Amino acid sequence: MAKKKLAIFIAAIVILIFVFFPNFSKYRKLSMECKGLRTRIEELKAENKRLEEEKYKLANDIEYIEKRAREKLGVVKKDEIPYKIIEE
């Protein structure tokens, strides 16, 4: 009688493993994917905030606009002498 109960118990465990293991694997995979997406969302929020700040500066801060024009476009003021450092 004890062997029969043990066999039924083991069979029930095997069935439960076959039923729940694939779902558990999918759950873990989706959980990892969700974690990665949350991280990406936070990165994009930070990037969006930085871009909004830059947009505000470009619309309102004359000194920032001048600095960016000098860096990106090589703009110089009247009577300034531009120079380039040539690396050997």
PDB file of N, CA and C in Angstrom:
ATOM      1  N   MET A   1       0.829  -1.192   0.000  1.00  0.00           N
ATOM      2  CA  MET A   1       0.000   0.000   0.000  1.00  0.00           C
ATOM      3  C   MET A   1       0.875   1.259   0.000  1.00  0.00           C
ATOM      4  N   ALA A   2       1.947   1.245   0.788  1.00  0.00           N
ATOM      5  CA  ALA A   2       2.843   2.400   0.871  1.00  0.00           C
ATOM      6  C   ALA A   2       3.552   2.623  -0.463  1.00  0.00           C
ATOM      7  N   LYS A   3       3.912   1.534  -1.145  1.00  0.00           N
ATOM      8  CA  LYS A   3       4.579   1.668  -2.440  1.00  0.00           C
ATOM      9  C   LYS A   3       3.636   2.281  -3.472  1.00  0.00           C
ATOM     10  N   LYS A   4       2.356   1.915  -3.383  1.00  0.00           N
ATOM     11  CA  LYS A   4       1.378   2.433  -4.320  1.00  0.00           C
ATOM     12  C   LYS A   4       1.193   3.950  -4.105  1.00  0.00           C
ATOM     13  N   LYS A   5       1.137   4.383  -2.835  1.00  0.00           N
ATOM     14  CA  LYS A   5       1.002   5.812  -2.520  1.00  0.00           C
ATOM     15  C   LYS A   5       2.250   6.578  -2.963  1.00  0.00           C
ATOM     16  N   LEU A   6       3.415   5.966  -2.751  1.00  0.00           N
ATOM     17  CA  LEU A   6       4.672   6.598  -3.173  1.00  0.00           C
ATOM     18  C   LEU A   6       4.710   6.737  -4.692  1.00  0.00           C
ATOM     19  N   ALA A   7       4.259   5.708  -5.412  1.00  0.00           N
ATOM     20  CA  ALA A   7       4.246   5.746  -6.874  1.00  0.00           C
ATOM     21  C   ALA A   7       3.277   6.823  -7.369  1.00  0.00           C
ATOM     22  N   ILE A   8       2.119   6.932  -6.727  1.00  0.00           N
ATOM     23  CA  ILE A   8       1.143   7.967  -7.103  1.00  0.00           C
ATOM     24  C   ILE A   8       1.718   9.348  -6.817  1.00  0.00           C
ATOM     25  N   PHE A   9       2.374   9.496  -5.673  1.00  0.00           N
ATOM     26  CA  PHE A   9       2.989  10.772  -5.298  1.00  0.00           C
ATOM     27  C   PHE A   9       4.065  11.171  -6.309  1.00  0.00           C
ATOM     28  N   ILE A  10       4.923  10.254  -6.671  1.00  0.00           N
ATOM     29  CA  ILE A  10       5.989  10.531  -7.645  1.00  0.00           C
ATOM     30  C   ILE A  10       5.378  10.852  -9.011  1.00  0.00           C
ATOM     31  N   ALA A  11       4.355  10.120  -9.413  1.00  0.00           N
ATOM     32  CA  ALA A  11       3.689  10.388 -10.687  1.00  0.00           C
ATOM     33  C   ALA A  11       3.062  11.790 -10.676  1.00  0.00           C
ATOM     34  N   ALA A  12       2.466  12.169  -9.553  1.00  0.00           N
ATOM     35  CA  ALA A  12       1.859  13.499  -9.447  1.00  0.00           C
ATOM     36  C   ALA A  12       2.927  14.583  -9.556  1.00  0.00           C
ATOM     37  N   ILE A  13       4.068  14.377  -8.925  1.00  0.00           N
ATOM     38  CA  ILE A  13       5.164  15.350  -8.998  1.00  0.00           C
ATOM     39  C   ILE A  13       5.683  15.460 -10.430  1.00  0.00           C
ATOM     40  N   VAL A  14       5.849  14.343 -11.091  1.00  0.00           N
ATOM     41  CA  VAL A  14       6.326  14.354 -12.483  1.00  0.00           C
ATOM     42  C   VAL A  14       5.333  15.103 -13.377  1.00  0.00           C
ATOM     43  N   ILE A  15       4.060  14.858 -13.187  1.00  0.00           N
ATOM     44  CA  ILE A  15       3.035  15.554 -13.976  1.00  0.00           C
ATOM     45  C   ILE A  15       3.087  17.052 -13.699  1.00  0.00           C
ATOM     46  N   LEU A  16       3.206  17.419 -12.425  1.00  0.00           N
ATOM     47  CA  LEU A  16       3.275  18.838 -12.080  1.00  0.00           C
ATOM     48  C   LEU A  16       4.510  19.501 -12.704  1.00  0.00           C
ATOM     49  N   ILE A  17       5.618  18.789 -12.714  1.00  0.00           N
ATOM     50  CA  ILE A  17       6.837  19.338 -13.325  1.00  0.00           C
ATOM     51  C   ILE A  17       6.618  19.567 -14.812  1.00  0.00           C
ATOM     52  N   PHE A  18       6.021  18.593 -15.500  1.00  0.00           N
ATOM     53  CA  PHE A  18       5.775  18.749 -16.931  1.00  0.00           C
ATOM     54  C   PHE A  18       4.750  19.852 -17.230  1.00  0.00           C
ATOM     55  N   VAL A  19       3.831  20.078 -16.312  1.00  0.00           N
ATOM     56  CA  VAL A  19       2.808  21.097 -16.529  1.00  0.00           C
ATOM     57  C   VAL A  19       3.356  22.496 -16.228  1.00  0.00           C
ATOM     58  N   PHE A  20       4.082  22.642 -15.104  1.00  0.00           N
ATOM     59  CA  PHE A  20       4.488  23.972 -14.664  1.00  0.00           C
ATOM     60  C   PHE A  20       5.870  24.410 -15.132  1.00  0.00           C
ATOM     61  N   PHE A  21       6.769  23.515 -15.429  1.00  0.00           N
ATOM     62  CA  PHE A  21       8.131  23.915 -15.805  1.00  0.00           C
ATOM     63  C   PHE A  21       8.195  24.765 -17.068  1.00  0.00           C
ATOM     64  N   PRO A  22       7.489  24.391 -18.139  1.00  0.00           N
ATOM     65  CA  PRO A  22       7.537  25.263 -19.334  1.00  0.00           C
ATOM     66  C   PRO A  22       7.014  26.678 -19.044  1.00  0.00           C
ATOM     67  N   ASN A  23       5.962  26.767 -18.264  1.00  0.00           N
ATOM     68  CA  ASN A  23       5.425  28.079 -17.909  1.00  0.00           C
ATOM     69  C   ASN A  23       6.402  28.851 -17.032  1.00  0.00           C
ATOM     70  N   PHE A  24       7.068  28.174 -16.136  1.00  0.00           N
ATOM     71  CA  PHE A  24       8.051  28.824 -15.273  1.00  0.00           C
ATOM     72  C   PHE A  24       9.220  29.346 -16.105  1.00  0.00           C
ATOM     73  N   SER A  25       9.652  28.572 -17.075  1.00  0.00           N
ATOM     74  CA  SER A  25      10.730  29.018 -17.959  1.00  0.00           C
ATOM     75  C   SER A  25      10.316  30.263 -18.741  1.00  0.00           C
ATOM     76  N   LYS A  26       9.099  30.252 -19.256  1.00  0.00           N
ATOM     77  CA  LYS A  26       8.598  31.424 -19.977  1.00  0.00           C
ATOM     78  C   LYS A  26       8.517  32.626 -19.042  1.00  0.00           C
ATOM     79  N   TYR A  27       8.070  32.395 -17.821  1.00  0.00           N
ATOM     80  CA  TYR A  27       7.969  33.472 -16.844  1.00  0.00           C
ATOM     81  C   TYR A  27       9.340  34.090 -16.572  1.00  0.00           C
ATOM     82  N   ARG A  28      10.342  33.258 -16.376  1.00  0.00           N
ATOM     83  CA  ARG A  28      11.692  33.774 -16.108  1.00  0.00           C
ATOM     84  C   ARG A  28      12.223  34.551 -17.304  1.00  0.00           C
ATOM     85  N   LYS A  29      11.998  34.030 -18.500  1.00  0.00           N
ATOM     86  CA  LYS A  29      12.460  34.714 -19.708  1.00  0.00           C
ATOM     87  C   LYS A  29      11.785  36.077 -19.838  1.00  0.00           C
ATOM     88  N   LEU A  30      10.472  36.118 -19.653  1.00  0.00           N
ATOM     89  CA  LEU A  30       9.742  37.374 -19.743  1.00  0.00           C
ATOM     90  C   LEU A  30      10.130  38.337 -18.622  1.00  0.00           C
ATOM     91  N   SER A  31      10.405  37.784 -17.463  1.00  0.00           N
ATOM     92  CA  SER A  31      10.832  38.618 -16.338  1.00  0.00           C
ATOM     93  C   SER A  31      12.164  39.288 -16.633  1.00  0.00           C
ATOM     94  N   MET A  32      13.108  38.549 -17.205  1.00  0.00           N
ATOM     95  CA  MET A  32      14.409  39.110 -17.566  1.00  0.00           C
ATOM     96  C   MET A  32      14.245  40.163 -18.663  1.00  0.00           C
ATOM     97  N   GLU A  33      13.392  39.879 -19.631  1.00  0.00           N
ATOM     98  CA  GLU A  33      13.152  40.821 -20.712  1.00  0.00           C
ATOM     99  C   GLU A  33      12.524  42.108 -20.171  1.00  0.00           C
ATOM    100  N   CYS A  34      11.596  41.952 -19.254  1.00  0.00           N
ATOM    101  CA  CYS A  34      10.929  43.098 -18.641  1.00  0.00           C
ATOM    102  C   CYS A  34      11.937  43.956 -17.876  1.00  0.00           C
ATOM    103  N   LYS A  35      12.838  43.319 -17.164  1.00  0.00           N
ATOM    104  CA  LYS A  35      13.873  44.046 -16.423  1.00  0.00           C
ATOM    105  C   LYS A  35      14.755  44.839 -17.383  1.00  0.00           C
ATOM    106  N   GLY A  36      15.142  44.230 -18.486  1.00  0.00           N
ATOM    107  CA  GLY A  36      15.940  44.920 -19.491  1.00  0.00           C
ATOM    108  C   GLY A  36      15.197  46.104 -20.098  1.00  0.00           C
ATOM    109  N   LEU A  37      13.914  45.928 -20.345  1.00  0.00           N
ATOM    110  CA  LEU A  37      13.106  47.017 -20.913  1.00  0.00           C
ATOM    111  C   LEU A  37      12.948  48.162 -19.919  1.00  0.00           C
ATOM    112  N   ARG A  38      12.795  47.838 -18.654  1.00  0.00           N
ATOM    113  CA  ARG A  38      12.700  48.891 -17.630  1.00  0.00           C
ATOM    114  C   ARG A  38      13.992  49.697 -17.562  1.00  0.00           C
ATOM    115  N   THR A  39      15.116  49.004 -17.648  1.00  0.00           N
ATOM    116  CA  THR A  39      16.408  49.692 -17.657  1.00  0.00           C
ATOM    117  C   THR A  39      16.506  50.602 -18.865  1.00  0.00           C
ATOM    118  N   ARG A  40      16.097  50.106 -20.023  1.00  0.00           N
ATOM    119  CA  ARG A  40      16.140  50.899 -21.254  1.00  0.00           C
ATOM    120  C   ARG A  40      15.225  52.113 -21.150  1.00  0.00           C
ATOM    121  N   ILE A  41      14.058  51.947 -20.531  1.00  0.00           N
ATOM    122  CA  ILE A  41      13.128  53.063 -20.337  1.00  0.00           C
ATOM    123  C   ILE A  41      13.766  54.145 -19.484  1.00  0.00           C
ATOM    124  N   GLU A  42      14.440  53.748 -18.398  1.00  0.00           N
ATOM    125  CA  GLU A  42      15.105  54.722 -17.533  1.00  0.00           C
ATOM    126  C   GLU A  42      16.218  55.450 -18.287  1.00  0.00           C
ATOM    127  N   GLU A  43      16.976  54.730 -19.108  1.00  0.00           N
ATOM    128  CA  GLU A  43      18.018  55.362 -19.912  1.00  0.00           C
ATOM    129  C   GLU A  43      17.413  56.372 -20.884  1.00  0.00           C
ATOM    130  N   LEU A  44      16.316  55.999 -21.522  1.00  0.00           N
ATOM    131  CA  LEU A  44      15.668  56.896 -22.477  1.00  0.00           C
ATOM    132  C   LEU A  44      15.060  58.113 -21.791  1.00  0.00           C
ATOM    133  N   LYS A  45      14.534  57.930 -20.583  1.00  0.00           N
ATOM    134  CA  LYS A  45      14.009  59.069 -19.828  1.00  0.00           C
ATOM    135  C   LYS A  45      15.125  60.060 -19.503  1.00  0.00           C
ATOM    136  N   ALA A  46      16.277  59.540 -19.095  1.00  0.00           N
ATOM    137  CA  ALA A  46      17.414  60.409 -18.786  1.00  0.00           C
ATOM    138  C   ALA A  46      17.878  61.141 -20.042  1.00  0.00           C
ATOM    139  N   GLU A  47      17.950  60.426 -21.160  1.00  0.00           N
ATOM    140  CA  GLU A  47      18.349  61.042 -22.428  1.00  0.00           C
ATOM    141  C   GLU A  47      17.333  62.106 -22.853  1.00  0.00           C
ATOM    142  N   ASN A  48      16.055  61.813 -22.673  1.00  0.00           N
ATOM    143  CA  ASN A  48      15.002  62.759 -23.019  1.00  0.00           C
ATOM    144  C   ASN A  48      15.119  64.028 -22.169  1.00  0.00           C
ATOM    145  N   LYS A  49      15.397  63.863 -20.892  1.00  0.00           N
ATOM    146  CA  LYS A  49      15.554  65.007 -19.991  1.00  0.00           C
ATOM    147  C   LYS A  49      16.741  65.863 -20.438  1.00  0.00           C
ATOM    148  N   ARG A  50      17.858  65.214 -20.788  1.00  0.00           N
ATOM    149  CA  ARG A  50      19.041  65.936 -21.236  1.00  0.00           C
ATOM    150  C   ARG A  50      18.740  66.717 -22.517  1.00  0.00           C
ATOM    151  N   LEU A  51      18.027  66.079 -23.443  1.00  0.00           N
ATOM    152  CA  LEU A  51      17.684  66.744 -24.698  1.00  0.00           C
ATOM    153  C   LEU A  51      16.719  67.911 -24.475  1.00  0.00           C
ATOM    154  N   GLU A  52      15.787  67.758 -23.550  1.00  0.00           N
ATOM    155  CA  GLU A  52      14.863  68.859 -23.233  1.00  0.00           C
ATOM    156  C   GLU A  52      15.635  70.047 -22.660  1.00  0.00           C
ATOM    157  N   GLU A  53      16.607  69.772 -21.797  1.00  0.00           N
ATOM    158  CA  GLU A  53      17.424  70.841 -21.236  1.00  0.00           C
ATOM    159  C   GLU A  53      18.232  71.539 -22.320  1.00  0.00           C
ATOM    160  N   GLU A  54      18.799  70.760 -23.234  1.00  0.00           N
ATOM    161  CA  GLU A  54      19.561  71.348 -24.334  1.00  0.00           C
ATOM    162  C   GLU A  54      18.645  72.175 -25.240  1.00  0.00           C
ATOM    163  N   LYS A  55      17.458  71.674 -25.497  1.00  0.00           N
ATOM    164  CA  LYS A  55      16.491  72.409 -26.318  1.00  0.00           C
ATOM    165  C   LYS A  55      16.166  73.753 -25.673  1.00  0.00           C
ATOM    166  N   TYR A  56      15.948  73.742 -24.372  1.00  0.00           N
ATOM    167  CA  TYR A  56      15.655  74.986 -23.657  1.00  0.00           C
ATOM    168  C   TYR A  56      16.822  75.965 -23.778  1.00  0.00           C
ATOM    169  N   LYS A  57      18.047  75.451 -23.579  1.00  0.00           N
ATOM    170  CA  LYS A  57      19.226  76.308 -23.685  1.00  0.00           C
ATOM    171  C   LYS A  57      19.369  76.880 -25.094  1.00  0.00           C
ATOM    172  N   LEU A  58      19.125  76.059 -26.103  1.00  0.00           N
ATOM    173  CA  LEU A  58      19.246  76.526 -27.484  1.00  0.00           C
ATOM    174  C   LEU A  58      18.188  77.572 -27.829  1.00  0.00           C
ATOM    175  N   ALA A  59      17.068  77.534 -27.130  1.00  0.00           N
ATOM    176  CA  ALA A  59      16.010  78.497 -27.395  1.00  0.00           C
ATOM    177  C   ALA A  59      16.177  79.778 -26.581  1.00  0.00           C
ATOM    178  N   ASN A  60      16.892  79.707 -25.429  1.00  0.00           N
ATOM    179  CA  ASN A  60      16.886  80.833 -24.503  1.00  0.00           C
ATOM    180  C   ASN A  60      18.248  81.349 -24.058  1.00  0.00           C
ATOM    181  N   ASP A  61      19.301  80.593 -24.209  1.00  0.00           N
ATOM    182  CA  ASP A  61      20.601  80.971 -23.651  1.00  0.00           C
ATOM    183  C   ASP A  61      21.571  81.342 -24.773  1.00  0.00           C
ATOM    184  N   ILE A  62      21.774  82.639 -24.952  1.00  0.00           N
ATOM    185  CA  ILE A  62      22.632  83.143 -26.032  1.00  0.00           C
ATOM    186  C   ILE A  62      24.072  82.649 -25.873  1.00  0.00           C
ATOM    187  N   GLU A  63      24.581  82.629 -24.678  1.00  0.00           N
ATOM    188  CA  GLU A  63      25.962  82.164 -24.450  1.00  0.00           C
ATOM    189  C   GLU A  63      26.124  80.692 -24.834  1.00  0.00           C
ATOM    190  N   TYR A  64      25.130  79.891 -24.528  1.00  0.00           N
ATOM    191  CA  TYR A  64      25.182  78.472 -24.883  1.00  0.00           C
ATOM    192  C   TYR A  64      25.136  78.303 -26.402  1.00  0.00           C
ATOM    193  N   ILE A  65      24.282  79.097 -27.057  1.00  0.00           N
ATOM    194  CA  ILE A  65      24.194  79.029 -28.519  1.00  0.00           C
ATOM    195  C   ILE A  65      25.541  79.394 -29.137  1.00  0.00           C
ATOM    196  N   GLU A  66      26.167  80.447 -28.618  1.00  0.00           N
ATOM    197  CA  GLU A  66      27.468  80.865 -29.131  1.00  0.00           C
ATOM    198  C   GLU A  66      28.518  79.772 -28.920  1.00  0.00           C
ATOM    199  N   LYS A  67      28.506  79.195 -27.749  1.00  0.00           N
ATOM    200  CA  LYS A  67      29.464  78.117 -27.447  1.00  0.00           C
ATOM    201  C   LYS A  67      29.287  76.945 -28.418  1.00  0.00           C
ATOM    202  N   ARG A  68      28.052  76.540 -28.635  1.00  0.00           N
ATOM    203  CA  ARG A  68      27.781  75.421 -29.550  1.00  0.00           C
ATOM    204  C   ARG A  68      28.184  75.758 -30.984  1.00  0.00           C
ATOM    205  N   ALA A  69      27.920  76.997 -31.402  1.00  0.00           N
ATOM    206  CA  ALA A  69      28.287  77.411 -32.752  1.00  0.00           C
ATOM    207  C   ALA A  69      29.805  77.387 -32.920  1.00  0.00           C
ATOM    208  N   ARG A  70      30.523  77.805 -31.899  1.00  0.00           N
ATOM    209  CA  ARG A  70      31.988  77.786 -31.957  1.00  0.00           C
ATOM    210  C   ARG A  70      32.507  76.340 -32.023  1.00  0.00           C
ATOM    211  N   GLU A  71      31.921  75.474 -31.207  1.00  0.00           N
ATOM    212  CA  GLU A  71      32.388  74.080 -31.153  1.00  0.00           C
ATOM    213  C   GLU A  71      32.046  73.312 -32.423  1.00  0.00           C
ATOM    214  N   LYS A  72      30.801  73.403 -32.842  1.00  0.00           N
ATOM    215  CA  LYS A  72      30.318  72.560 -33.943  1.00  0.00           C
ATOM    216  C   LYS A  72      30.599  73.136 -35.326  1.00  0.00           C
ATOM    217  N   LEU A  73      30.477  74.449 -35.446  1.00  0.00           N
ATOM    218  CA  LEU A  73      30.562  75.061 -36.772  1.00  0.00           C
ATOM    219  C   LEU A  73      31.844  75.845 -36.994  1.00  0.00           C
ATOM    220  N   GLY A  74      32.620  76.051 -35.945  1.00  0.00           N
ATOM    221  CA  GLY A  74      33.860  76.802 -36.082  1.00  0.00           C
ATOM    222  C   GLY A  74      33.631  78.295 -36.270  1.00  0.00           C
ATOM    223  N   VAL A  75      32.523  78.805 -35.765  1.00  0.00           N
ATOM    224  CA  VAL A  75      32.195  80.220 -35.902  1.00  0.00           C
ATOM    225  C   VAL A  75      33.164  81.047 -35.055  1.00  0.00           C
ATOM    226  N   VAL A  76      33.618  82.192 -35.616  1.00  0.00           N
ATOM    227  CA  VAL A  76      34.488  83.114 -34.878  1.00  0.00           C
ATOM    228  C   VAL A  76      33.881  84.508 -34.925  1.00  0.00           C
ATOM    229  N   LYS A  77      34.194  85.305 -33.907  1.00  0.00           N
ATOM    230  CA  LYS A  77      33.723  86.684 -33.864  1.00  0.00           C
ATOM    231  C   LYS A  77      34.595  87.551 -34.766  1.00  0.00           C
ATOM    232  N   LYS A  78      34.089  88.714 -35.060  1.00  0.00           N
ATOM    233  CA  LYS A  78      34.840  89.665 -35.871  1.00  0.00           C
ATOM    234  C   LYS A  78      36.121  90.034 -35.130  1.00  0.00           C
ATOM    235  N   ASP A  79      37.198  90.108 -35.836  1.00  0.00           N
ATOM    236  CA  ASP A  79      38.530  90.445 -35.316  1.00  0.00           C
ATOM    237  C   ASP A  79      39.180  89.317 -34.507  1.00  0.00           C
ATOM    238  N   GLU A  80      38.579  88.139 -34.452  1.00  0.00           N
ATOM    239  CA  GLU A  80      39.235  86.991 -33.823  1.00  0.00           C
ATOM    240  C   GLU A  80      40.044  86.254 -34.882  1.00  0.00           C
ATOM    241  N   ILE A  81      41.099  85.639 -34.433  1.00  0.00           N
ATOM    242  CA  ILE A  81      41.936  84.863 -35.342  1.00  0.00           C
ATOM    243  C   ILE A  81      41.755  83.384 -34.994  1.00  0.00           C
ATOM    244  N   PRO A  82      41.159  82.625 -35.901  1.00  0.00           N
ATOM    245  CA  PRO A  82      40.982  81.192 -35.618  1.00  0.00           C
ATOM    246  C   PRO A  82      42.308  80.446 -35.816  1.00  0.00           C
ATOM    247  N   TYR A  83      42.485  79.392 -35.056  1.00  0.00           N
ATOM    248  CA  TYR A  83      43.659  78.542 -35.219  1.00  0.00           C
ATOM    249  C   TYR A  83      43.272  77.100 -34.964  1.00  0.00           C
ATOM    250  N   LYS A  84      44.050  76.198 -35.565  1.00  0.00           N
ATOM    251  CA  LYS A  84      43.842  74.767 -35.382  1.00  0.00           C
ATOM    252  C   LYS A  84      45.122  74.165 -34.871  1.00  0.00           C
ATOM    253  N   ILE A  85      44.986  73.230 -33.967  1.00  0.00           N
ATOM    254  CA  ILE A  85      46.143  72.496 -33.476  1.00  0.00           C
ATOM    255  C   ILE A  85      46.258  71.246 -34.336  1.00  0.00           C
ATOM    256  N   ILE A  86      47.394  71.101 -34.977  1.00  0.00           N
ATOM    257  CA  ILE A  86      47.628  69.941 -35.841  1.00  0.00           C
ATOM    258  C   ILE A  86      48.475  68.943 -35.073  1.00  0.00           C
ATOM    259  N   GLU A  87      47.923  67.771 -34.893  1.00  0.00           N
ATOM    260  CA  GLU A  87      48.656  66.722 -34.193  1.00  0.00           C
ATOM    261  C   GLU A  87      49.593  66.022 -35.156  1.00  0.00           C
ATOM    262  N   GLU A  88      50.749  65.669 -34.665  1.00  0.00           N
ATOM    263  CA  GLU A  88      51.732  64.996 -35.527  1.00  0.00           C
ATOM    264  C   GLU A  88      51.524  63.512 -35.543  1.00  0.00           C
TER     265      GLU A  88
END
